Amino acid sequence: MKDTIYKYLNLLFTVTMILFVLMTAVIVLVQLVGIAVGNGGMVLGINDALKTYATWVSTICGLIAMVAHNFMPKKKKSHDGPTSIGPAKDAASSK
């Protein structure tokens, strides 16, 4: 059950993160173009149009990440490695 919830939350996190990054990139790129052509209305217009939505999407993304962390599957401890530090002793060579 926890694995299924985690998978859905991870999917929602990924979607909201992509949306947030794309919206932020659009804001920045349009503002750069507005600055380059000297159009202050373009700079302020894109800010007014997308800033609130980008903020909401980033907030939702962060909240999903916090909740998903609680549903993350536990990592199993592996004991495959050596248990002691130092060179390995061979039983045949120690005689």
C-alpha atoms as a PDB file:
ATOM      1  CA  MET A   1       0.000   0.000   0.000  1.00  0.00           C
ATOM      2  CA  LYS A   2       2.784   2.427   0.943  1.00  0.00           C
ATOM      3  CA  ASP A   3       4.630   1.594  -2.270  1.00  0.00           C
ATOM      4  CA  THR A   4       1.577   2.446  -4.395  1.00  0.00           C
ATOM      5  CA  ILE A   5       1.017   5.746  -2.595  1.00  0.00           C
ATOM      6  CA  TYR A   6       4.708   6.565  -2.965  1.00  0.00           C
ATOM      7  CA  LYS A   7       4.600   5.852  -6.717  1.00  0.00           C
ATOM      8  CA  TYR A   8       1.615   8.191  -7.211  1.00  0.00           C
ATOM      9  CA  LEU A   9       3.171  10.900  -5.068  1.00  0.00           C
ATOM     10  CA  ASN A  10       6.444  10.537  -6.961  1.00  0.00           C
ATOM     11  CA  LEU A  11       4.563  10.919 -10.252  1.00  0.00           C
ATOM     12  CA  LEU A  12       2.758  14.028  -8.980  1.00  0.00           C
ATOM     13  CA  PHE A  13       6.055  15.433  -7.728  1.00  0.00           C
ATOM     14  CA  THR A  14       7.661  14.893 -11.124  1.00  0.00           C
ATOM     15  CA  VAL A  15       4.759  16.519 -12.989  1.00  0.00           C
ATOM     16  CA  THR A  16       4.624  19.554 -10.698  1.00  0.00           C
ATOM     17  CA  MET A  17       8.406  19.949 -10.794  1.00  0.00           C
ATOM     18  CA  ILE A  18       8.411  19.937 -14.599  1.00  0.00           C
ATOM     19  CA  LEU A  19       5.535  22.440 -14.681  1.00  0.00           C
ATOM     20  CA  PHE A  20       7.297  24.697 -12.200  1.00  0.00           C
ATOM     21  CA  VAL A  21      10.585  24.634 -14.104  1.00  0.00           C
ATOM     22  CA  LEU A  22       8.857  25.288 -17.440  1.00  0.00           C
ATOM     23  CA  MET A  23       6.788  28.166 -16.064  1.00  0.00           C
ATOM     24  CA  THR A  24       9.851  29.719 -14.461  1.00  0.00           C
ATOM     25  CA  ALA A  25      11.846  29.325 -17.671  1.00  0.00           C
ATOM     26  CA  VAL A  26       9.074  31.025 -19.660  1.00  0.00           C
ATOM     27  CA  ILE A  27       8.985  33.911 -17.189  1.00  0.00           C
ATOM     28  CA  VAL A  28      12.745  34.404 -17.327  1.00  0.00           C
ATOM     29  CA  LEU A  29      13.041  34.059 -21.113  1.00  0.00           C
ATOM     30  CA  VAL A  30      10.169  36.462 -21.843  1.00  0.00           C
ATOM     31  CA  GLN A  31      11.619  38.948 -19.375  1.00  0.00           C
ATOM     32  CA  LEU A  32      15.022  38.693 -21.084  1.00  0.00           C
ATOM     33  CA  VAL A  33      13.401  39.344 -24.462  1.00  0.00           C
ATOM     34  CA  GLY A  34      11.438  42.242 -22.957  1.00  0.00           C
ATOM     35  CA  ILE A  35      14.622  43.753 -21.578  1.00  0.00           C
ATOM     36  CA  ALA A  36      16.462  43.250 -24.882  1.00  0.00           C
ATOM     37  CA  VAL A  37      13.766  45.013 -26.919  1.00  0.00           C
ATOM     38  CA  GLY A  38      13.107  47.623 -24.234  1.00  0.00           C
ATOM     39  CA  ASN A  39       9.489  46.632 -23.629  1.00  0.00           C
ATOM     40  CA  GLY A  40       8.720  47.081 -19.933  1.00  0.00           C
ATOM     41  CA  GLY A  41       5.120  46.009 -20.439  1.00  0.00           C
ATOM     42  CA  MET A  42       6.295  42.587 -21.615  1.00  0.00           C
ATOM     43  CA  VAL A  43       8.489  42.181 -18.536  1.00  0.00           C
ATOM     44  CA  LEU A  44       5.722  43.124 -16.125  1.00  0.00           C
ATOM     45  CA  GLY A  45       3.001  41.359 -18.105  1.00  0.00           C
ATOM     46  CA  ILE A  46       4.577  37.904 -18.021  1.00  0.00           C
ATOM     47  CA  ASN A  47       5.350  38.386 -14.351  1.00  0.00           C
ATOM     48  CA  ASP A  48       1.717  39.231 -13.601  1.00  0.00           C
ATOM     49  CA  ALA A  49       0.447  36.401 -15.792  1.00  0.00           C
ATOM     50  CA  LEU A  50       2.529  33.480 -14.496  1.00  0.00           C
ATOM     51  CA  LYS A  51       4.104  34.382 -11.161  1.00  0.00           C
ATOM     52  CA  THR A  52       1.137  33.388  -8.993  1.00  0.00           C
ATOM     53  CA  TYR A  53       0.636  30.078 -10.799  1.00  0.00           C
ATOM     54  CA  ALA A  54       4.341  29.221 -10.693  1.00  0.00           C
ATOM     55  CA  THR A  55       4.393  29.963  -6.963  1.00  0.00           C
ATOM     56  CA  TRP A  56       1.392  27.712  -6.338  1.00  0.00           C
ATOM     57  CA  VAL A  57       2.851  24.887  -8.407  1.00  0.00           C
ATOM     58  CA  SER A  58       6.188  25.116  -6.585  1.00  0.00           C
ATOM     59  CA  THR A  59       4.410  25.098  -3.217  1.00  0.00           C
ATOM     60  CA  ILE A  60       2.392  22.014  -4.179  1.00  0.00           C
ATOM     61  CA  CYS A  61       5.579  20.348  -5.417  1.00  0.00           C
ATOM     62  CA  GLY A  62       7.322  20.980  -2.104  1.00  0.00           C
ATOM     63  CA  LEU A  63       4.381  19.702  -0.071  1.00  0.00           C
ATOM     64  CA  ILE A  64       4.172  16.552  -2.186  1.00  0.00           C
ATOM     65  CA  ALA A  65       7.891  15.974  -1.607  1.00  0.00           C
ATOM     66  CA  MET A  66       7.429  16.241   2.163  1.00  0.00           C
ATOM     67  CA  VAL A  67       4.502  13.818   2.188  1.00  0.00           C
ATOM     68  CA  ALA A  68       6.194  11.403  -0.230  1.00  0.00           C
ATOM     69  CA  HIS A  69       9.219  11.226   2.054  1.00  0.00           C
ATOM     70  CA  ASN A  70       7.014   9.616   4.729  1.00  0.00           C
ATOM     71  CA  PHE A  71       5.882   6.925   2.275  1.00  0.00           C
ATOM     72  CA  MET A  72       9.356   6.184   0.888  1.00  0.00           C
ATOM     73  CA  PRO A  73      10.191   2.478   1.043  1.00  0.00           C
ATOM     74  CA  LYS A  74      12.821   1.590   3.608  1.00  0.00           C
ATOM     75  CA  LYS A  75      16.199   0.566   2.236  1.00  0.00           C
ATOM     76  CA  LYS A  76      17.254  -2.910   3.201  1.00  0.00           C
ATOM     77  CA  LYS A  77      20.631  -3.150   4.901  1.00  0.00           C
ATOM     78  CA  SER A  78      23.159  -5.140   2.980  1.00  0.00           C
ATOM     79  CA  HIS A  79      25.819  -7.196   4.730  1.00  0.00           C
ATOM     80  CA  ASP A  80      27.646  -8.247   1.593  1.00  0.00           C
ATOM     81  CA  GLY A  81      30.862  -6.411   2.401  1.00  0.00           C
ATOM     82  CA  PRO A  82      33.663  -7.348   4.768  1.00  0.00           C
ATOM     83  CA  THR A  83      32.930  -7.154   8.478  1.00  0.00           C
ATOM     84  CA  SER A  84      36.456  -6.301   9.586  1.00  0.00           C
ATOM     85  CA  ILE A  85      39.063  -3.836   8.472  1.00  0.00           C
ATOM     86  CA  GLY A  86      42.400  -5.149   7.294  1.00  0.00           C
ATOM     87  CA  PRO A  87      43.764  -7.777   4.948  1.00  0.00           C
ATOM     88  CA  ALA A  88      41.768 -10.953   4.547  1.00  0.00           C
ATOM     89  CA  LYS A  89      43.310 -14.004   6.144  1.00  0.00           C
ATOM     90  CA  ASP A  90      43.342 -17.225   4.211  1.00  0.00           C
ATOM     91  CA  ALA A  91      42.951 -20.334   6.362  1.00  0.00           C
ATOM     92  CA  ALA A  92      45.383 -22.354   4.198  1.00  0.00           C
ATOM     93  CA  SER A  93      48.169 -19.772   4.308  1.00  0.00           C
ATOM     94  CA  SER A  94      48.069 -19.316   8.069  1.00  0.00           C
ATOM     95  CA  LYS A  95      49.337 -22.892   8.753  1.00  0.00           C
END
